[in-house]
N, C-alpha and C. Protein backbone atom coordinates (compact mmCIF):
# COMPACT_ATOMS: atom_id res chain seq x y z
N MET A 1 167.82 -83.67 193.96
CA MET A 1 169.00 -83.44 193.56
C MET A 1 169.29 -82.05 192.81
N GLY A 2 169.87 -81.37 192.54
CA GLY A 2 170.49 -80.10 192.03
C GLY A 2 170.23 -79.68 190.46
N VAL A 3 170.28 -78.86 190.16
CA VAL A 3 170.05 -78.49 188.49
C VAL A 3 171.39 -78.32 187.96
N ALA A 4 171.39 -79.03 186.87
CA ALA A 4 172.67 -79.09 186.00
C ALA A 4 172.86 -78.16 185.28
N ILE A 5 174.02 -77.23 185.02
CA ILE A 5 174.60 -76.10 184.35
C ILE A 5 174.86 -76.56 183.29
N LEU A 6 174.57 -76.35 181.96
CA LEU A 6 175.87 -76.45 180.85
C LEU A 6 176.00 -75.50 180.33
N ASN A 7 177.36 -74.70 179.87
CA ASN A 7 177.57 -73.09 179.15
C ASN A 7 178.44 -74.19 177.60
N ILE A 8 177.73 -73.75 176.76
CA ILE A 8 178.19 -74.20 175.60
C ILE A 8 179.54 -72.74 175.04
N ARG A 9 181.12 -73.02 174.69
CA ARG A 9 181.70 -71.73 174.37
C ARG A 9 181.79 -72.55 172.88
N ASN A 10 182.15 -70.66 172.18
CA ASN A 10 182.64 -71.46 170.55
C ASN A 10 181.88 -72.00 169.60
N LEU A 11 180.17 -71.66 169.71
CA LEU A 11 179.38 -72.08 169.37
C LEU A 11 179.68 -71.53 167.94
N ASP A 12 179.43 -72.21 166.34
CA ASP A 12 179.29 -71.87 165.70
C ASP A 12 178.20 -70.64 165.24
N PRO A 13 178.15 -69.54 164.12
CA PRO A 13 177.23 -68.63 164.93
C PRO A 13 176.19 -69.48 163.67
N GLU A 14 176.71 -69.91 162.86
CA GLU A 14 174.95 -70.52 162.04
C GLU A 14 174.30 -71.41 162.85
N VAL A 15 174.95 -72.28 163.89
CA VAL A 15 174.87 -73.47 164.54
C VAL A 15 173.43 -72.58 165.77
N HIS A 16 174.00 -70.91 166.49
CA HIS A 16 173.10 -70.30 166.98
C HIS A 16 172.18 -69.92 166.51
N LYS A 17 172.08 -69.56 165.38
CA LYS A 17 171.10 -68.51 164.11
C LYS A 17 170.06 -69.55 164.22
N SER A 18 170.77 -71.07 163.32
CA SER A 18 169.66 -72.69 163.22
C SER A 18 168.90 -72.46 164.51
N LEU A 19 169.80 -72.32 166.19
CA LEU A 19 168.68 -73.33 167.30
C LEU A 19 167.50 -71.71 167.40
N ARG A 20 167.95 -70.53 167.21
CA ARG A 20 167.57 -69.45 167.24
C ARG A 20 165.99 -69.42 167.06
N MET A 21 166.03 -70.08 165.49
CA MET A 21 165.04 -69.86 164.20
C MET A 21 164.24 -71.19 164.92
N ARG A 22 164.70 -72.23 165.29
CA ARG A 22 163.88 -73.36 165.51
C ARG A 22 163.61 -73.11 166.73
N ALA A 23 163.63 -72.26 168.03
CA ALA A 23 163.20 -71.95 168.85
C ALA A 23 161.51 -71.27 169.02
N ALA A 24 162.20 -70.60 167.93
CA ALA A 24 161.32 -69.55 167.56
C ALA A 24 159.52 -70.20 167.02
N SER A 25 159.97 -71.14 165.66
CA SER A 25 159.23 -72.08 164.95
C SER A 25 158.26 -72.81 165.93
N ASN A 26 158.85 -73.13 167.34
CA ASN A 26 158.68 -74.27 168.18
C ASN A 26 158.04 -73.21 169.48
N GLY A 27 157.79 -72.12 169.49
CA GLY A 27 157.44 -71.33 170.67
C GLY A 27 158.18 -71.37 171.75
N ARG A 28 159.64 -71.53 171.91
CA ARG A 28 160.18 -72.07 172.80
C ARG A 28 161.66 -70.53 172.91
N SER A 29 162.48 -70.27 174.42
CA SER A 29 163.58 -69.70 174.42
C SER A 29 164.32 -70.64 173.90
N MET A 30 165.52 -69.91 173.35
CA MET A 30 166.51 -71.10 172.56
C MET A 30 167.03 -72.24 173.92
N GLU A 31 167.31 -71.66 175.38
CA GLU A 31 167.66 -72.26 176.37
C GLU A 31 166.68 -73.67 176.38
N ALA A 32 164.88 -73.23 176.41
CA ALA A 32 164.23 -74.45 176.43
C ALA A 32 164.64 -75.27 174.96
N GLU A 33 164.59 -75.14 174.00
CA GLU A 33 165.13 -75.32 173.06
C GLU A 33 166.30 -76.57 172.91
N ALA A 34 167.33 -75.62 173.40
CA ALA A 34 168.70 -76.59 173.44
C ALA A 34 168.17 -77.75 174.31
N ARG A 35 167.34 -77.49 175.60
CA ARG A 35 167.20 -78.44 176.63
C ARG A 35 166.19 -79.61 175.67
N GLN A 36 165.57 -79.10 174.75
CA GLN A 36 164.44 -80.28 174.68
C GLN A 36 165.33 -81.07 173.58
N ILE A 37 166.35 -80.29 173.19
CA ILE A 37 167.15 -81.83 171.72
C ILE A 37 167.78 -82.63 172.36
N LEU A 38 168.52 -81.27 173.76
CA LEU A 38 169.66 -82.99 173.93
C LEU A 38 168.80 -83.79 175.25
N ALA A 39 167.51 -83.69 175.55
CA ALA A 39 166.85 -84.66 176.09
C ALA A 39 166.60 -85.41 175.63
N GLU A 40 165.80 -85.14 173.67
CA GLU A 40 166.03 -85.81 173.22
C GLU A 40 166.70 -86.92 172.53
N ALA A 41 167.77 -86.17 172.55
CA ALA A 41 169.19 -87.19 172.24
C ALA A 41 169.60 -87.85 172.89
N CYS A 42 169.51 -87.67 174.11
CA CYS A 42 169.97 -88.42 174.73
C CYS A 42 169.09 -89.45 175.55
N ALA A 43 168.29 -89.15 175.49
CA ALA A 43 166.66 -90.30 175.55
C ALA A 43 166.86 -92.02 175.47
N PRO A 44 166.95 -92.81 176.13
CA PRO A 44 166.98 -94.04 176.02
C PRO A 44 166.38 -94.32 175.03
N ARG A 45 166.75 -95.35 173.56
CA ARG A 45 166.48 -95.43 172.45
C ARG A 45 165.80 -96.92 173.00
N PRO A 46 164.71 -97.45 171.85
CA PRO A 46 164.26 -99.08 172.52
C PRO A 46 165.47 -99.63 171.31
N PRO A 47 165.42 -101.24 171.99
CA PRO A 47 166.40 -101.92 171.18
C PRO A 47 165.86 -102.05 170.06
N LYS A 48 167.09 -102.68 168.80
CA LYS A 48 166.49 -102.57 167.27
C LYS A 48 165.27 -103.51 166.79
N ALA A 49 165.43 -104.62 168.01
CA ALA A 49 164.07 -105.76 167.76
C ALA A 49 163.10 -105.71 167.75
N GLN A 50 163.05 -104.50 169.22
CA GLN A 50 161.68 -104.46 169.10
C GLN A 50 161.02 -103.29 168.30
N VAL A 51 161.92 -102.38 167.65
CA VAL A 51 161.86 -101.25 166.82
C VAL A 51 161.09 -102.12 164.93
N ALA A 52 161.91 -102.94 164.86
CA ALA A 52 161.98 -103.94 164.15
C ALA A 52 159.85 -104.95 164.00
N ALA A 53 159.96 -105.08 165.61
CA ALA A 53 158.40 -105.37 165.23
C ALA A 53 157.49 -104.46 165.36
N GLU A 54 157.60 -103.24 165.52
CA GLU A 54 156.96 -102.42 165.33
C GLU A 54 156.08 -102.02 164.07
N VAL A 55 157.42 -102.09 163.67
CA VAL A 55 157.27 -101.33 161.96
C VAL A 55 156.02 -103.01 161.43
N GLN A 56 157.14 -104.10 161.75
CA GLN A 56 156.49 -105.45 160.97
C GLN A 56 154.88 -104.88 161.76
N ALA A 57 154.57 -104.97 162.68
CA ALA A 57 152.80 -104.68 162.76
C ALA A 57 152.08 -103.75 161.60
N ALA A 58 152.85 -102.29 162.23
CA ALA A 58 152.53 -101.15 161.39
C ALA A 58 152.35 -101.81 160.17
N PHE A 59 153.03 -102.48 159.28
CA PHE A 59 153.06 -103.28 157.98
C PHE A 59 151.58 -104.34 158.07
N ASP A 60 151.65 -105.39 159.05
CA ASP A 60 150.11 -105.71 159.61
C ASP A 60 149.28 -105.13 159.11
N ARG A 61 148.78 -104.27 160.37
CA ARG A 61 147.86 -103.50 160.06
C ARG A 61 147.08 -102.71 158.35
N LEU A 62 148.40 -102.21 158.06
CA LEU A 62 148.28 -101.45 157.19
C LEU A 62 147.70 -102.48 156.16
N LEU A 63 148.27 -103.55 155.89
CA LEU A 63 147.71 -104.55 154.30
C LEU A 63 147.09 -105.72 154.79
N GLY A 64 146.69 -105.68 156.38
CA GLY A 64 145.53 -106.76 156.89
C GLY A 64 145.82 -108.16 155.62
N ASP A 65 144.68 -108.31 155.41
CA ASP A 65 144.61 -109.70 154.61
C ASP A 65 145.25 -109.36 152.83
N ARG A 66 145.92 -108.28 152.66
CA ARG A 66 146.24 -108.51 151.19
C ARG A 66 148.28 -108.03 151.54
N LYS A 67 148.49 -108.49 152.36
CA LYS A 67 149.85 -109.24 152.70
C LYS A 67 150.66 -109.89 152.26
N PRO A 68 151.22 -110.01 151.39
CA PRO A 68 152.06 -110.92 150.49
C PRO A 68 152.32 -112.73 151.62
N LYS A 69 151.81 -113.79 150.81
CA LYS A 69 152.31 -114.77 151.51
C LYS A 69 153.96 -115.24 151.69
N SER A 70 154.36 -114.79 150.59
CA SER A 70 155.81 -115.29 150.03
C SER A 70 156.59 -114.38 149.60
N ALA A 71 156.41 -113.15 149.49
CA ALA A 71 157.10 -112.21 149.46
C ALA A 71 158.67 -112.77 148.62
N THR A 72 159.64 -112.84 149.96
CA THR A 72 160.38 -112.99 149.52
C THR A 72 160.90 -114.37 148.37
N ASP A 73 159.73 -115.02 148.48
CA ASP A 73 160.39 -116.27 147.61
C ASP A 73 159.95 -116.20 146.30
N ASP A 74 158.83 -114.91 145.98
CA ASP A 74 158.19 -114.48 144.65
C ASP A 74 159.50 -113.66 144.26
N LEU A 75 159.83 -112.93 145.14
CA LEU A 75 161.41 -112.20 144.52
C LEU A 75 162.48 -112.71 143.95
N ILE A 76 163.11 -113.94 144.76
CA ILE A 76 163.92 -114.37 144.56
C ILE A 76 163.83 -114.86 142.95
N ARG A 77 162.68 -115.92 142.89
CA ARG A 77 161.99 -116.32 141.73
C ARG A 77 162.07 -115.41 140.13
N GLU A 78 161.23 -114.21 140.44
CA GLU A 78 161.53 -113.04 139.50
C GLU A 78 163.52 -112.98 139.16
N ARG A 79 163.72 -112.79 140.42
CA ARG A 79 165.11 -112.41 139.89
C ARG A 79 166.01 -113.41 139.23
N ARG A 80 165.34 -114.89 139.81
CA ARG A 80 166.38 -115.82 138.66
C ARG A 80 166.21 -115.67 137.65
N ARG A 81 164.65 -115.54 136.93
CA ARG A 81 164.30 -115.81 136.04
C ARG A 81 164.52 -114.32 134.98
N GLU A 82 165.07 -113.12 135.45
CA GLU A 82 165.58 -112.12 134.82
C GLU A 82 167.13 -112.68 134.77
N ALA A 83 167.85 -113.19 135.78
CA ALA A 83 169.07 -113.52 135.34
C ALA A 83 169.26 -114.42 133.94
N ARG A 84 168.30 -115.57 134.17
CA ARG A 84 168.07 -116.29 133.28
C ARG A 84 168.32 -115.80 131.80
N ARG A 85 167.30 -114.62 131.40
CA ARG A 85 167.17 -113.78 130.16
C ARG A 85 168.01 -113.19 129.91
N GLU A 86 168.73 -112.76 131.08
CA GLU A 86 170.18 -111.41 130.83
C GLU A 86 171.16 -112.69 130.44
N TRP A 87 171.01 -113.87 131.03
CA TRP A 87 171.94 -114.10 130.24
C TRP A 87 172.43 -115.23 128.94
N SER A 88 171.25 -115.72 128.81
CA SER A 88 170.15 -115.92 127.18
C SER A 88 170.80 -115.03 126.91
N ARG A 89 170.33 -114.06 127.00
CA ARG A 89 170.53 -113.02 125.73
C ARG A 89 172.52 -112.40 125.25
N SER A 90 173.21 -112.73 126.60
CA SER A 90 174.53 -111.89 126.34
C SER A 90 175.22 -113.75 125.99
N THR A 91 175.09 -114.51 126.44
CA THR A 91 175.12 -115.70 125.29
C THR A 91 175.93 -115.69 123.64
N PRO A 92 176.01 -115.94 123.33
CA PRO A 92 176.53 -116.89 122.46
C PRO A 92 175.94 -117.77 121.85
N ARG A 93 174.75 -118.03 120.59
CA ARG A 93 174.41 -119.17 120.47
C ARG A 93 174.95 -119.57 119.34
N ARG A 94 175.16 -121.25 119.61
CA ARG A 94 175.83 -122.10 118.79
C ARG A 94 175.05 -122.47 117.66
């Protein structure tokens, strides 16, 4: 398989400057930096479910046995208490 060539015309000067600075900070040529950016942008992404599972696993490792058992239920219960308090303050008493 041959090597593909890509020419980019009408590149905004600010984008060119940014690419040059980014390449220098990464110790690469502008061409190598552009190849890296394109490779990362076009790489296959994992499914959202896989990403969510990885995030959940990271939280499980981080929190260990301190992980709340019913965080959702606790948050809903607390919000309902807040709503009742707000409602009772705003409702005129008879």
